[in-house]
PDB file of N, CA and C in Angstrom:
ATOM      1  N   MET A   1       0.841  -1.214  -0.001  1.00  0.00           N
ATOM      2  CA  MET A   1       0.010  -0.002   0.030  1.00  0.00           C
ATOM      3  C   MET A   1       0.904   1.245  -0.003  1.00  0.00           C
ATOM      4  N   PHE A   2       0.278   2.347  -0.398  1.00  0.00           N
ATOM      5  CA  PHE A   2       1.020   3.577  -0.452  1.00  0.00           C
ATOM      6  C   PHE A   2       1.347   4.086   0.937  1.00  0.00           C
ATOM      7  N   GLY A   3       2.457   4.844   1.019  1.00  0.00           N
ATOM      8  CA  GLY A   3       2.775   5.529   2.284  1.00  0.00           C
ATOM      9  C   GLY A   3       1.875   6.693   2.441  1.00  0.00           C
ATOM     10  N   PHE A   4       1.891   7.300   3.611  1.00  0.00           N
ATOM     11  CA  PHE A   4       1.029   8.439   3.845  1.00  0.00           C
ATOM     12  C   PHE A   4       1.622   9.751   3.365  1.00  0.00           C
ATOM     13  N   ASN A   5       2.865   9.724   3.026  1.00  0.00           N
ATOM     14  CA  ASN A   5       3.529  10.937   2.614  1.00  0.00           C
ATOM     15  C   ASN A   5       3.270  11.218   1.138  1.00  0.00           C
ATOM     16  N   LYS A   6       3.199  12.508   0.830  1.00  0.00           N
ATOM     17  CA  LYS A   6       3.073  12.855  -0.570  1.00  0.00           C
ATOM     18  C   LYS A   6       3.755  14.175  -0.796  1.00  0.00           C
ATOM     19  N   MET A   7       4.235  14.319  -2.025  1.00  0.00           N
ATOM     20  CA  MET A   7       4.821  15.586  -2.443  1.00  0.00           C
ATOM     21  C   MET A   7       3.924  16.124  -3.604  1.00  0.00           C
ATOM     22  N   VAL A   8       3.605  17.385  -3.498  1.00  0.00           N
ATOM     23  CA  VAL A   8       2.738  17.950  -4.553  1.00  0.00           C
ATOM     24  C   VAL A   8       3.549  18.998  -5.373  1.00  0.00           C
ATOM     25  N   ILE A   9       3.469  18.850  -6.659  1.00  0.00           N
ATOM     26  CA  ILE A   9       4.101  19.837  -7.551  1.00  0.00           C
ATOM     27  C   ILE A   9       2.978  20.585  -8.262  1.00  0.00           C
ATOM     28  N   GLU A  10       2.876  21.889  -7.983  1.00  0.00           N
ATOM     29  CA  GLU A  10       1.822  22.732  -8.602  1.00  0.00           C
ATOM     30  C   GLU A  10       2.384  23.297  -9.901  1.00  0.00           C
ATOM     31  N   LEU A  11       1.873  22.836 -11.018  1.00  0.00           N
ATOM     32  CA  LEU A  11       2.403  23.285 -12.291  1.00  0.00           C
ATOM     33  C   LEU A  11       2.237  24.748 -12.566  1.00  0.00           C
ATOM     34  N   LYS A  12       1.222  25.427 -11.924  1.00  0.00           N
ATOM     35  CA  LYS A  12       1.022  26.836 -12.122  1.00  0.00           C
ATOM     36  C   LYS A  12       2.224  27.646 -11.596  1.00  0.00           C
ATOM     37  N   LYS A  13       3.011  27.077 -10.729  1.00  0.00           N
ATOM     38  CA  LYS A  13       4.203  27.728 -10.224  1.00  0.00           C
ATOM     39  C   LYS A  13       5.303  27.714 -11.263  1.00  0.00           C
ATOM     40  N   ILE A  14       5.196  26.779 -12.254  1.00  0.00           N
ATOM     41  CA  ILE A  14       6.154  26.700 -13.349  1.00  0.00           C
ATOM     42  C   ILE A  14       5.612  27.593 -14.461  1.00  0.00           C
ATOM     43  N   GLY A  15       4.303  27.602 -14.659  1.00  0.00           N
ATOM     44  CA  GLY A  15       3.732  28.428 -15.708  1.00  0.00           C
ATOM     45  C   GLY A  15       2.289  27.974 -15.966  1.00  0.00           C
ATOM     46  N   THR A  16       1.527  28.768 -16.661  1.00  0.00           N
ATOM     47  CA  THR A  16       0.147  28.396 -16.988  1.00  0.00           C
ATOM     48  C   THR A  16      -0.014  28.029 -18.446  1.00  0.00           C
ATOM     49  N   THR A  17       0.952  28.375 -19.251  1.00  0.00           N
ATOM     50  CA  THR A  17       0.957  27.995 -20.676  1.00  0.00           C
ATOM     51  C   THR A  17       2.218  27.102 -20.872  1.00  0.00           C
ATOM     52  N   LEU A  18       1.976  25.801 -20.865  1.00  0.00           N
ATOM     53  CA  LEU A  18       3.045  24.808 -20.915  1.00  0.00           C
ATOM     54  C   LEU A  18       3.079  24.200 -22.313  1.00  0.00           C
ATOM     55  N   ILE A  19       3.891  24.797 -23.219  1.00  0.00           N
ATOM     56  CA  ILE A  19       3.704  24.402 -24.600  1.00  0.00           C
ATOM     57  C   ILE A  19       4.937  23.866 -25.359  1.00  0.00           C
ATOM     58  N   SER A  20       6.135  24.150 -24.998  1.00  0.00           N
ATOM     59  CA  SER A  20       7.194  23.737 -25.869  1.00  0.00           C
ATOM     60  C   SER A  20       8.015  22.591 -25.270  1.00  0.00           C
ATOM     61  N   ARG A  21       8.598  21.794 -26.131  1.00  0.00           N
ATOM     62  CA  ARG A  21       9.439  20.673 -25.738  1.00  0.00           C
ATOM     63  C   ARG A  21      10.612  21.188 -24.859  1.00  0.00           C
ATOM     64  N   GLN A  22      11.186  22.275 -25.289  1.00  0.00           N
ATOM     65  CA  GLN A  22      12.341  22.840 -24.580  1.00  0.00           C
ATOM     66  C   GLN A  22      11.999  23.290 -23.167  1.00  0.00           C
ATOM     67  N   THR A  23      10.858  23.953 -23.009  1.00  0.00           N
ATOM     68  CA  THR A  23      10.485  24.435 -21.666  1.00  0.00           C
ATOM     69  C   THR A  23      10.029  23.276 -20.765  1.00  0.00           C
ATOM     70  N   GLY A  24       9.462  22.221 -21.395  1.00  0.00           N
ATOM     71  CA  GLY A  24       9.096  21.025 -20.657  1.00  0.00           C
ATOM     72  C   GLY A  24      10.374  20.354 -20.062  1.00  0.00           C
ATOM     73  N   LYS A  25      11.371  20.281 -20.928  1.00  0.00           N
ATOM     74  CA  LYS A  25      12.630  19.662 -20.465  1.00  0.00           C
ATOM     75  C   LYS A  25      13.330  20.474 -19.391  1.00  0.00           C
ATOM     76  N   GLU A  26      13.270  21.818 -19.550  1.00  0.00           N
ATOM     77  CA  GLU A  26      13.833  22.714 -18.547  1.00  0.00           C
ATOM     78  C   GLU A  26      13.087  22.612 -17.213  1.00  0.00           C
ATOM     79  N   ALA A  27      11.754  22.471 -17.289  1.00  0.00           N
ATOM     80  CA  ALA A  27      10.944  22.339 -16.056  1.00  0.00           C
ATOM     81  C   ALA A  27      11.266  21.037 -15.356  1.00  0.00           C
ATOM     82  N   PHE A  28      11.448  19.976 -16.112  1.00  0.00           N
ATOM     83  CA  PHE A  28      11.781  18.693 -15.509  1.00  0.00           C
ATOM     84  C   PHE A  28      13.141  18.767 -14.809  1.00  0.00           C
ATOM     85  N   LEU A  29      14.093  19.405 -15.492  1.00  0.00           N
ATOM     86  CA  LEU A  29      15.465  19.510 -14.888  1.00  0.00           C
ATOM     87  C   LEU A  29      15.395  20.415 -13.658  1.00  0.00           C
ATOM     88  N   ALA A  30      14.533  21.448 -13.676  1.00  0.00           N
ATOM     89  CA  ALA A  30      14.430  22.393 -12.550  1.00  0.00           C
ATOM     90  C   ALA A  30      13.875  21.675 -11.279  1.00  0.00           C
ATOM     91  N   ILE A  31      13.012  20.691 -11.454  1.00  0.00           N
ATOM     92  CA  ILE A  31      12.455  20.038 -10.269  1.00  0.00           C
ATOM     93  C   ILE A  31      13.343  18.871  -9.825  1.00  0.00           C
ATOM     94  N   GLY A  32      14.399  18.616 -10.518  1.00  0.00           N
ATOM     95  CA  GLY A  32      15.315  17.511 -10.186  1.00  0.00           C
ATOM     96  C   GLY A  32      15.733  17.480  -8.717  1.00  0.00           C
ATOM     97  N   PRO A  33      16.201  18.630  -8.182  1.00  0.00           N
ATOM     98  CA  PRO A  33      16.605  18.627  -6.783  1.00  0.00           C
ATOM     99  C   PRO A  33      15.451  18.299  -5.821  1.00  0.00           C
ATOM    100  N   ILE A  34      14.259  18.721  -6.128  1.00  0.00           N
ATOM    101  CA  ILE A  34      13.102  18.379  -5.305  1.00  0.00           C
ATOM    102  C   ILE A  34      12.775  16.915  -5.322  1.00  0.00           C
ATOM    103  N   LEU A  35      12.930  16.316  -6.533  1.00  0.00           N
ATOM    104  CA  LEU A  35      12.619  14.890  -6.711  1.00  0.00           C
ATOM    105  C   LEU A  35      13.608  13.972  -5.911  1.00  0.00           C
ATOM    106  N   GLN A  36      14.792  14.451  -5.631  1.00  0.00           N
ATOM    107  CA  GLN A  36      15.734  13.697  -4.855  1.00  0.00           C
ATOM    108  C   GLN A  36      15.196  13.386  -3.441  1.00  0.00           C
ATOM    109  N   ASN A  37      14.296  14.230  -2.974  1.00  0.00           N
ATOM    110  CA  ASN A  37      13.711  14.032  -1.665  1.00  0.00           C
ATOM    111  C   ASN A  37      12.463  13.102  -1.625  1.00  0.00           C
ATOM    112  N   VAL A  38      12.024  12.628  -2.786  1.00  0.00           N
ATOM    113  CA  VAL A  38      10.878  11.761  -2.834  1.00  0.00           C
ATOM    114  C   VAL A  38      11.298  10.369  -2.459  1.00  0.00           C
ATOM    115  N   LYS A  39      10.602   9.804  -1.490  1.00  0.00           N
ATOM    116  CA  LYS A  39      10.939   8.442  -1.007  1.00  0.00           C
ATOM    117  C   LYS A  39      10.216   7.411  -1.866  1.00  0.00           C
ATOM    118  N   ASN A  40      10.674   6.173  -1.797  1.00  0.00           N
ATOM    119  CA  ASN A  40      10.101   5.104  -2.612  1.00  0.00           C
ATOM    120  C   ASN A  40       8.597   4.874  -2.420  1.00  0.00           C
ATOM    121  N   ASP A  41       8.130   5.063  -1.211  1.00  0.00           N
ATOM    122  CA  ASP A  41       6.698   4.798  -0.924  1.00  0.00           C
ATOM    123  C   ASP A  41       5.884   6.103  -0.927  1.00  0.00           C
ATOM    124  N   GLU A  42       6.499   7.157  -1.349  1.00  0.00           N
ATOM    125  CA  GLU A  42       5.805   8.482  -1.312  1.00  0.00           C
ATOM    126  C   GLU A  42       5.046   8.706  -2.611  1.00  0.00           C
ATOM    127  N   ILE A  43       3.877   9.358  -2.497  1.00  0.00           N
ATOM    128  CA  ILE A  43       3.060   9.744  -3.631  1.00  0.00           C
ATOM    129  C   ILE A  43       3.631  11.024  -4.184  1.00  0.00           C
ATOM    130  N   LEU A  44       3.706  11.116  -5.526  1.00  0.00           N
ATOM    131  CA  LEU A  44       4.083  12.351  -6.179  1.00  0.00           C
ATOM    132  C   LEU A  44       2.862  12.852  -6.963  1.00  0.00           C
ATOM    133  N   GLU A  45       2.285  13.951  -6.483  1.00  0.00           N
ATOM    134  CA  GLU A  45       1.087  14.510  -7.084  1.00  0.00           C
ATOM    135  C   GLU A  45       1.482  15.656  -7.985  1.00  0.00           C
ATOM    136  N   ILE A  46       0.980  15.630  -9.218  1.00  0.00           N
ATOM    137  CA  ILE A  46       1.143  16.754 -10.152  1.00  0.00           C
ATOM    138  C   ILE A  46      -0.207  17.429 -10.230  1.00  0.00           C
ATOM    139  N   ASP A  47      -0.247  18.689  -9.800  1.00  0.00           N
ATOM    140  CA  ASP A  47      -1.503  19.454  -9.741  1.00  0.00           C
ATOM    141  C   ASP A  47      -1.579  20.404 -10.946  1.00  0.00           C
ATOM    142  N   PHE A  48      -2.621  20.185 -11.789  1.00  0.00           N
ATOM    143  CA  PHE A  48      -2.783  20.987 -12.990  1.00  0.00           C
ATOM    144  C   PHE A  48      -3.694  22.213 -12.750  1.00  0.00           C
ATOM    145  N   ASN A  49      -4.055  22.484 -11.501  1.00  0.00           N
ATOM    146  CA  ASN A  49      -4.926  23.612 -11.210  1.00  0.00           C
ATOM    147  C   ASN A  49      -4.273  24.877 -11.710  1.00  0.00           C
ATOM    148  N   GLY A  50      -4.967  25.706 -12.498  1.00  0.00           N
ATOM    149  CA  GLY A  50      -4.467  26.961 -12.996  1.00  0.00           C
ATOM    150  C   GLY A  50      -3.754  26.882 -14.335  1.00  0.00           C
ATOM    151  N   VAL A  51      -3.519  25.659 -14.836  1.00  0.00           N
ATOM    152  CA  VAL A  51      -2.849  25.494 -16.120  1.00  0.00           C
ATOM    153  C   VAL A  51      -3.901  25.782 -17.233  1.00  0.00           C
ATOM    154  N   ILE A  52      -3.535  26.675 -18.136  1.00  0.00           N
ATOM    155  CA  ILE A  52      -4.450  27.048 -19.221  1.00  0.00           C
ATOM    156  C   ILE A  52      -4.207  26.204 -20.465  1.00  0.00           C
ATOM    157  N   THR A  53      -2.958  26.131 -20.875  1.00  0.00           N
ATOM    158  CA  THR A  53      -2.589  25.385 -22.085  1.00  0.00           C
ATOM    159  C   THR A  53      -1.541  24.349 -21.725  1.00  0.00           C
ATOM    160  N   PHE A  54      -1.697  23.138 -22.217  1.00  0.00           N
ATOM    161  CA  PHE A  54      -0.774  22.043 -21.923  1.00  0.00           C
ATOM    162  C   PHE A  54      -0.581  21.237 -23.195  1.00  0.00           C
ATOM    163  N   SER A  55       0.578  21.284 -23.789  1.00  0.00           N
ATOM    164  CA  SER A  55       0.795  20.640 -25.099  1.00  0.00           C
ATOM    165  C   SER A  55       1.470  19.254 -24.920  1.00  0.00           C
ATOM    166  N   PRO A  56       1.253  18.358 -25.903  1.00  0.00           N
ATOM    167  CA  PRO A  56       1.887  17.050 -25.867  1.00  0.00           C
ATOM    168  C   PRO A  56       3.414  17.108 -25.806  1.00  0.00           C
ATOM    169  N   SER A  57       4.004  18.075 -26.489  1.00  0.00           N
ATOM    170  CA  SER A  57       5.478  18.150 -26.474  1.00  0.00           C
ATOM    171  C   SER A  57       5.996  18.519 -25.064  1.00  0.00           C
ATOM    172  N   TRP A  58       5.334  19.442 -24.401  1.00  0.00           N
ATOM    173  CA  TRP A  58       5.730  19.775 -23.007  1.00  0.00           C
ATOM    174  C   TRP A  58       5.488  18.601 -22.107  1.00  0.00           C
ATOM    175  N   GLY A  59       4.322  17.950 -22.237  1.00  0.00           N
ATOM    176  CA  GLY A  59       3.973  16.783 -21.416  1.00  0.00           C
ATOM    177  C   GLY A  59       4.947  15.649 -21.657  1.00  0.00           C
ATOM    178  N   ALA A  60       5.390  15.402 -22.850  1.00  0.00           N
ATOM    179  CA  ALA A  60       6.312  14.314 -23.135  1.00  0.00           C
ATOM    180  C   ALA A  60       7.634  14.510 -22.415  1.00  0.00           C
ATOM    181  N   GLU A  61       8.084  15.755 -22.378  1.00  0.00           N
ATOM    182  CA  GLU A  61       9.407  16.050 -21.753  1.00  0.00           C
ATOM    183  C   GLU A  61       9.335  16.132 -20.235  1.00  0.00           C
ATOM    184  N   PHE A  62       8.142  16.483 -19.711  1.00  0.00           N
ATOM    185  CA  PHE A  62       8.011  16.633 -18.257  1.00  0.00           C
ATOM    186  C   PHE A  62       7.372  15.408 -17.582  1.00  0.00           C
ATOM    187  N   LEU A  63       6.238  14.994 -18.110  1.00  0.00           N
ATOM    188  CA  LEU A  63       5.479  13.913 -17.461  1.00  0.00           C
ATOM    189  C   LEU A  63       6.012  12.518 -17.684  1.00  0.00           C
ATOM    190  N   MET A  64       6.509  12.273 -18.905  1.00  0.00           N
ATOM    191  CA  MET A  64       6.924  10.894 -19.243  1.00  0.00           C
ATOM    192  C   MET A  64       8.108  10.435 -18.369  1.00  0.00           C
ATOM    193  N   PRO A  65       9.149  11.278 -18.131  1.00  0.00           N
ATOM    194  CA  PRO A  65      10.176  10.824 -17.217  1.00  0.00           C
ATOM    195  C   PRO A  65       9.704  10.535 -15.827  1.00  0.00           C
ATOM    196  N   LEU A  66       8.729  11.368 -15.396  1.00  0.00           N
ATOM    197  CA  LEU A  66       8.128  11.170 -14.048  1.00  0.00           C
ATOM    198  C   LEU A  66       7.367   9.851 -14.014  1.00  0.00           C
ATOM    199  N   PHE A  67       6.616   9.570 -15.101  1.00  0.00           N
ATOM    200  CA  PHE A  67       5.818   8.347 -15.123  1.00  0.00           C
ATOM    201  C   PHE A  67       6.751   7.124 -15.143  1.00  0.00           C
ATOM    202  N   LYS A  68       7.811   7.225 -15.907  1.00  0.00           N
ATOM    203  CA  LYS A  68       8.758   6.101 -15.949  1.00  0.00           C
ATOM    204  C   LYS A  68       9.381   5.808 -14.602  1.00  0.00           C
ATOM    205  N   LYS A  69       9.628   6.849 -13.841  1.00  0.00           N
ATOM    206  CA  LYS A  69      10.299   6.670 -12.544  1.00  0.00           C
ATOM    207  C   LYS A  69       9.353   6.320 -11.425  1.00  0.00           C
ATOM    208  N   TYR A  70       8.185   6.945 -11.370  1.00  0.00           N
ATOM    209  CA  TYR A  70       7.245   6.804 -10.239  1.00  0.00           C
ATOM    210  C   TYR A  70       6.042   5.969 -10.533  1.00  0.00           C
ATOM    211  N   THR A  71       5.696   5.712 -11.761  1.00  0.00           N
ATOM    212  CA  THR A  71       4.547   4.916 -12.229  1.00  0.00           C
ATOM    213  C   THR A  71       3.333   4.968 -11.341  1.00  0.00           C
ATOM    214  N   VAL A  72       3.127   3.996 -10.454  1.00  0.00           N
ATOM    215  CA  VAL A  72       1.908   3.900  -9.674  1.00  0.00           C
ATOM    216  C   VAL A  72       1.866   4.939  -8.565  1.00  0.00           C
ATOM    217  N   ASN A  73       2.984   5.508  -8.189  1.00  0.00           N
ATOM    218  CA  ASN A  73       3.025   6.557  -7.168  1.00  0.00           C
ATOM    219  C   ASN A  73       2.841   7.946  -7.744  1.00  0.00           C
ATOM    220  N   LEU A  74       2.667   8.032  -9.065  1.00  0.00           N
ATOM    221  CA  LEU A  74       2.448   9.330  -9.731  1.00  0.00           C
ATOM    222  C   LEU A  74       0.930   9.546  -9.878  1.00  0.00           C
ATOM    223  N   ILE A  75       0.448  10.604  -9.272  1.00  0.00           N
ATOM    224  CA  ILE A  75      -0.963  10.945  -9.393  1.00  0.00           C
ATOM    225  C   ILE A  75      -1.139  12.336  -9.984  1.00  0.00           C
ATOM    226  N   LEU A  76      -2.052  12.424 -10.974  1.00  0.00           N
ATOM    227  CA  LEU A  76      -2.340  13.714 -11.608  1.00  0.00           C
ATOM    228  C   LEU A  76      -3.678  14.170 -11.089  1.00  0.00           C
ATOM    229  N   LYS A  77      -3.760  15.456 -10.679  1.00  0.00           N
ATOM    230  CA  LYS A  77      -5.044  15.971 -10.207  1.00  0.00           C
ATOM    231  C   LYS A  77      -5.366  17.357 -10.813  1.00  0.00           C
ATOM    232  N   ASN A  78      -6.682  17.673 -10.723  1.00  0.00           N
ATOM    233  CA  ASN A  78      -7.204  18.883 -11.345  1.00  0.00           C
ATOM    234  C   ASN A  78      -6.897  18.956 -12.837  1.00  0.00           C
ATOM    235  N   THR A  79      -7.321  17.855 -13.510  1.00  0.00           N
ATOM    236  CA  THR A  79      -7.066  17.663 -14.956  1.00  0.00           C
ATOM    237  C   THR A  79      -8.278  18.015 -15.814  1.00  0.00           C
ATOM    238  N   ASN A  80      -9.268  18.753 -15.265  1.00  0.00           N
ATOM    239  CA  ASN A  80     -10.503  18.930 -15.993  1.00  0.00           C
ATOM    240  C   ASN A  80     -10.418  19.975 -17.133  1.00  0.00           C
ATOM    241  N   ASN A  81      -9.340  20.694 -17.255  1.00  0.00           N
ATOM    242  CA  ASN A  81      -9.197  21.606 -18.380  1.00  0.00           C
ATOM    243  C   ASN A  81      -9.132  20.791 -19.678  1.00  0.00           C
ATOM    244  N   GLY A  82      -9.810  21.272 -20.718  1.00  0.00           N
ATOM    245  CA  GLY A  82      -9.838  20.546 -21.996  1.00  0.00           C
ATOM    246  C   GLY A  82      -8.476  20.322 -22.613  1.00  0.00           C
ATOM    247  N   SER A  83      -7.610  21.292 -22.562  1.00  0.00           N
ATOM    248  CA  SER A  83      -6.251  21.188 -23.113  1.00  0.00           C
ATOM    249  C   SER A  83      -5.491  20.087 -22.362  1.00  0.00           C
ATOM    250  N   VAL A  84      -5.595  20.084 -21.053  1.00  0.00           N
ATOM    251  CA  VAL A  84      -4.907  19.092 -20.192  1.00  0.00           C
ATOM    252  C   VAL A  84      -5.474  17.690 -20.515  1.00  0.00           C
ATOM    253  N   GLN A  85      -6.816  17.564 -20.527  1.00  0.00           N
ATOM    254  CA  GLN A  85      -7.430  16.270 -20.794  1.00  0.00           C
ATOM    255  C   GLN A  85      -7.013  15.698 -22.143  1.00  0.00           C
ATOM    256  N   SER A  86      -7.091  16.524 -23.217  1.00  0.00           N
ATOM    257  CA  SER A  86      -6.747  15.991 -24.517  1.00  0.00           C
ATOM    258  C   SER A  86      -5.251  15.620 -24.633  1.00  0.00           C
ATOM    259  N   THR A  87      -4.397  16.384 -24.019  1.00  0.00           N
ATOM    260  CA  THR A  87      -2.967  16.047 -24.022  1.00  0.00           C
ATOM    261  C   THR A  87      -2.701  14.778 -23.271  1.00  0.00           C
ATOM    262  N   LEU A  88      -3.296  14.588 -22.124  1.00  0.00           N
ATOM    263  CA  LEU A  88      -3.108  13.386 -21.326  1.00  0.00           C
ATOM    264  C   LEU A  88      -3.607  12.131 -22.133  1.00  0.00           C
ATOM    265  N   GLU A  89      -4.764  12.253 -22.734  1.00  0.00           N
ATOM    266  CA  GLU A  89      -5.323  11.199 -23.576  1.00  0.00           C
ATOM    267  C   GLU A  89      -4.343  10.868 -24.721  1.00  0.00           C
ATOM    268  N   PHE A  90      -3.815  11.901 -25.357  1.00  0.00           N
ATOM    269  CA  PHE A  90      -2.878  11.712 -26.451  1.00  0.00           C
ATOM    270  C   PHE A  90      -1.610  11.002 -25.994  1.00  0.00           C
ATOM    271  N   LEU A  91      -1.036  11.425 -24.858  1.00  0.00           N
ATOM    272  CA  LEU A  91       0.181  10.771 -24.359  1.00  0.00           C
ATOM    273  C   LEU A  91      -0.109   9.317 -23.977  1.00  0.00           C
ATOM    274  N   GLU A  92      -1.284   9.033 -23.414  1.00  0.00           N
ATOM    275  CA  GLU A  92      -1.619   7.675 -23.047  1.00  0.00           C
ATOM    276  C   GLU A  92      -1.669   6.805 -24.271  1.00  0.00           C
ATOM    277  N   GLN A  93      -2.285   7.316 -25.351  1.00  0.00           N
ATOM    278  CA  GLN A  93      -2.368   6.523 -26.597  1.00  0.00           C
ATOM    279  C   GLN A  93      -0.993   6.304 -27.233  1.00  0.00           C
ATOM    280  N   ILE A  94      -0.197   7.375 -27.327  1.00  0.00           N
ATOM    281  CA  ILE A  94       1.096   7.268 -27.973  1.00  0.00           C
ATOM    282  C   ILE A  94       2.077   6.388 -27.168  1.00  0.00           C
ATOM    283  N   GLU A  95       2.066   6.558 -25.859  1.00  0.00           N
ATOM    284  CA  GLU A  95       3.005   5.820 -25.039  1.00  0.00           C
ATOM    285  C   GLU A  95       2.441   4.463 -24.531  1.00  0.00           C
ATOM    286  N   LYS A  96       1.173   4.193 -24.822  1.00  0.00           N
ATOM    287  CA  LYS A  96       0.518   2.964 -24.394  1.00  0.00           C
ATOM    288  C   LYS A  96       0.609   2.777 -22.877  1.00  0.00           C
ATOM    289  N   ILE A  97       0.154   3.804 -22.211  1.00  0.00           N
ATOM    290  CA  ILE A  97       0.209   3.825 -20.716  1.00  0.00           C
ATOM    291  C   ILE A  97      -1.141   4.303 -20.192  1.00  0.00           C
ATOM    292  N   LYS A  98      -1.291   4.288 -18.890  1.00  0.00           N
ATOM    293  CA  LYS A  98      -2.501   4.841 -18.261  1.00  0.00           C
ATOM    294  C   LYS A  98      -2.094   5.662 -17.069  1.00  0.00           C
ATOM    295  N   PHE A  99      -2.332   6.931 -17.090  1.00  0.00           N
ATOM    296  CA  PHE A  99      -2.031   7.788 -15.966  1.00  0.00           C
ATOM    297  C   PHE A  99      -3.038   7.548 -14.838  1.00  0.00           C
ATOM    298  N   ASN A 100      -2.572   7.761 -13.615  1.00  0.00           N
ATOM    299  CA  ASN A 100      -3.395   7.660 -12.421  1.00  0.00           C
ATOM    300  C   ASN A 100      -3.927   9.061 -12.188  1.00  0.00           C
ATOM    301  N   ILE A 101      -5.204   9.235 -12.540  1.00  0.00           N
ATOM    302  CA  ILE A 101      -5.812  10.599 -12.425  1.00  0.00           C
ATOM    303  C   ILE A 101      -6.803  10.614 -11.292  1.00  0.00           C
ATOM    304  N   LYS A 102      -6.659  11.567 -10.433  1.00  0.00           N
ATOM    305  CA  LYS A 102      -7.469  11.696  -9.181  1.00  0.00           C
ATOM    306  C   LYS A 102      -8.567  12.723  -9.411  1.00  0.00           C
TER     307      LYS A 102
END
């Protein structure tokens, strides 16, 4: 079972228009030091609240490395924005994965 600890990453602190491959890669690298503190049984929550635009290229560079590392411990929340929903569906189809959406 999951541990009780969780770390939340609020994407709006990175930006509300998340669109280019380059900025997605930069954002992933920027949170690297924070990720070092995530324990094996800890939940990593990615909060999409406040995100206006979310592109597949940004998502591929930011979310896919997180998914590969944390898989079942990665939870996405506040994904009701149309741009976020369509990008997540697209990534799931292309990568043949299923995100854990809360």
